[in-house]
Amino acid sequence: QVQFVESGGGLVQPGGSLRLSCAASGSIFSIGAMAWYRQAPGKQRELVAAITRGGTTNYADSVKGRFTISRDNAKNTVYLQMTSLKPEDTAVYYCNADSRVPGILRSWGQGTQVTVSS
């Protein structure tokens, strides 16, 4: 079973940037489409960005133009570059397979906390 380890979170001021990394214990190429999710306190987990095996991306409207997802299949790593961060981006961020593709979702990792505050 592939496991995911997210890293790169932290405390950042509004307008700042962070780069998150997600290291998989197995082949993300085999999994296929990958995604980043986030869960804010008291809210459901939401998908914020996804990338296909071939590199096609799509984003939630709330992060479009500010976040960039990428993947390195050779390193089994998925990245999320976040810029122009807002307080409402505060959440625990997770990576996993794209849940919109039936049958490929894996177990969830611990996530990485992102806090946007002055």
Protein backbone atom coordinates (compact mmCIF):
# COMPACT_ATOMS: atom_id res chain seq x y z
CA GLN A 1 0.00 0.00 0.00
CA VAL A 2 1.47 3.34 -1.06
CA GLN A 3 1.89 5.86 1.74
CA PHE A 4 2.18 9.62 1.43
CA VAL A 5 4.31 11.96 3.53
CA GLU A 6 3.50 15.64 3.19
CA SER A 7 5.94 18.38 4.19
CA GLY A 8 6.70 22.06 3.71
CA GLY A 9 3.90 23.65 5.69
CA GLY A 10 4.35 26.41 8.23
CA LEU A 11 3.33 29.86 9.34
CA VAL A 12 3.36 32.53 6.65
CA GLN A 13 2.09 36.08 6.41
CA PRO A 14 -0.72 37.01 4.02
CA GLY A 15 0.70 37.46 0.54
CA GLY A 16 3.51 35.02 1.22
CA SER A 17 4.44 31.77 -0.49
CA LEU A 18 5.06 28.15 0.45
CA ARG A 19 6.01 25.05 -1.45
CA LEU A 20 4.55 21.76 -0.25
CA SER A 21 6.00 18.37 -1.11
CA CYS A 22 4.41 14.94 -1.02
CA ALA A 23 6.70 11.95 -1.08
CA ALA A 24 5.08 8.63 -2.00
CA SER A 25 6.48 5.28 -0.90
CA GLY A 26 5.60 3.77 -4.27
CA SER A 27 5.05 4.69 -7.89
CA ILE A 28 2.79 7.69 -8.47
CA PHE A 29 2.99 6.97 -12.19
CA SER A 30 1.19 3.68 -11.48
CA ILE A 31 -1.45 5.46 -9.43
CA GLY A 32 -2.21 7.97 -12.18
CA ALA A 33 -3.93 11.23 -11.35
CA MET A 34 -2.74 12.85 -8.13
CA ALA A 35 -4.19 15.70 -6.11
CA TRP A 36 -3.73 18.03 -3.19
CA TYR A 37 -6.51 18.48 -0.69
CA ARG A 38 -7.03 20.66 2.34
CA GLN A 39 -9.16 20.57 5.44
CA ALA A 40 -9.80 23.65 7.53
CA PRO A 41 -11.09 23.40 11.10
CA GLY A 42 -14.77 22.49 11.14
CA LYS A 43 -14.90 21.99 7.38
CA GLN A 44 -14.87 19.03 5.05
CA ARG A 45 -11.76 18.06 3.16
CA GLU A 46 -11.73 19.66 -0.30
CA LEU A 47 -9.73 19.02 -3.43
CA VAL A 48 -7.72 22.10 -4.40
CA ALA A 49 -5.53 20.93 -7.28
CA ALA A 50 -5.08 17.83 -9.41
CA ILE A 51 -2.64 16.63 -12.04
CA THR A 52 -2.92 13.74 -14.45
CA ARG A 53 -0.18 11.25 -15.18
CA GLY A 54 0.70 13.28 -18.26
CA GLY A 55 0.75 16.63 -16.48
CA THR A 56 -2.66 18.15 -17.21
CA THR A 57 -3.74 20.24 -14.24
CA ASN A 58 -6.94 21.64 -12.82
CA TYR A 59 -7.70 23.77 -9.79
CA ALA A 60 -10.47 24.79 -7.46
CA ASP A 61 -11.72 28.27 -8.25
CA SER A 62 -10.55 29.48 -4.85
CA VAL A 63 -6.87 28.82 -5.68
CA LYS A 64 -6.78 29.26 -9.45
CA GLY A 65 -3.99 31.58 -10.48
CA ARG A 66 -2.27 31.32 -7.09
CA PHE A 67 -1.44 27.62 -6.66
CA THR A 68 0.53 25.39 -9.03
CA ILE A 69 0.59 21.60 -8.80
CA SER A 70 3.40 19.60 -10.35
CA ARG A 71 4.78 16.09 -10.19
CA ASP A 72 8.08 14.30 -10.61
CA ASN A 73 7.26 10.71 -11.50
CA ALA A 74 10.91 9.65 -11.25
CA LYS A 75 11.06 10.89 -7.65
CA ASN A 76 7.51 9.79 -6.77
CA THR A 77 6.85 13.27 -5.50
CA VAL A 78 4.03 15.75 -5.98
CA TYR A 79 4.43 19.46 -5.28
CA LEU A 80 2.13 22.37 -4.55
CA GLN A 81 3.53 25.85 -5.04
CA MET A 82 1.34 28.33 -3.22
CA THR A 83 1.62 32.09 -3.73
CA SER A 84 -0.40 35.13 -2.67
CA LEU A 85 -1.56 33.19 0.36
CA LYS A 86 -4.67 34.33 2.19
CA PRO A 87 -5.88 33.63 5.73
CA GLU A 88 -8.63 31.46 4.25
CA ASP A 89 -5.93 29.14 2.89
CA THR A 90 -5.19 28.07 6.46
CA ALA A 91 -5.74 24.32 6.67
CA VAL A 92 -4.05 20.95 6.89
CA TYR A 93 -2.93 19.98 3.39
CA TYR A 94 -2.88 16.39 2.17
CA CYS A 95 -1.97 14.64 -1.03
CA ASN A 96 -3.50 11.48 -2.44
CA ALA A 97 -4.78 10.07 -5.68
CA ASP A 98 -7.50 12.10 -7.38
CA SER A 99 -10.68 11.02 -5.59
CA ARG A 100 -12.76 11.77 -8.69
CA VAL A 101 -11.18 8.75 -10.39
CA PRO A 102 -12.96 5.63 -9.11
CA GLY A 103 -10.93 3.13 -7.15
CA ILE A 104 -7.53 4.80 -6.88
CA LEU A 105 -7.75 6.67 -3.60
CA ARG A 106 -5.19 5.48 -1.05
CA SER A 107 -4.87 5.85 2.72
CA TRP A 108 -4.41 9.39 3.98
CA GLY A 109 -1.14 10.64 5.37
CA GLN A 110 -0.69 12.99 8.32
CA GLY A 111 -0.83 16.12 6.21
CA THR A 112 1.08 19.34 6.71
CA GLN A 113 -0.29 22.40 8.50
CA VAL A 114 -0.39 25.70 6.64
CA THR A 115 -1.25 28.77 8.68
CA VAL A 116 -1.61 32.17 7.02
CA SER A 117 -1.65 34.92 9.59
CA SER A 118 -0.05 38.25 10.37
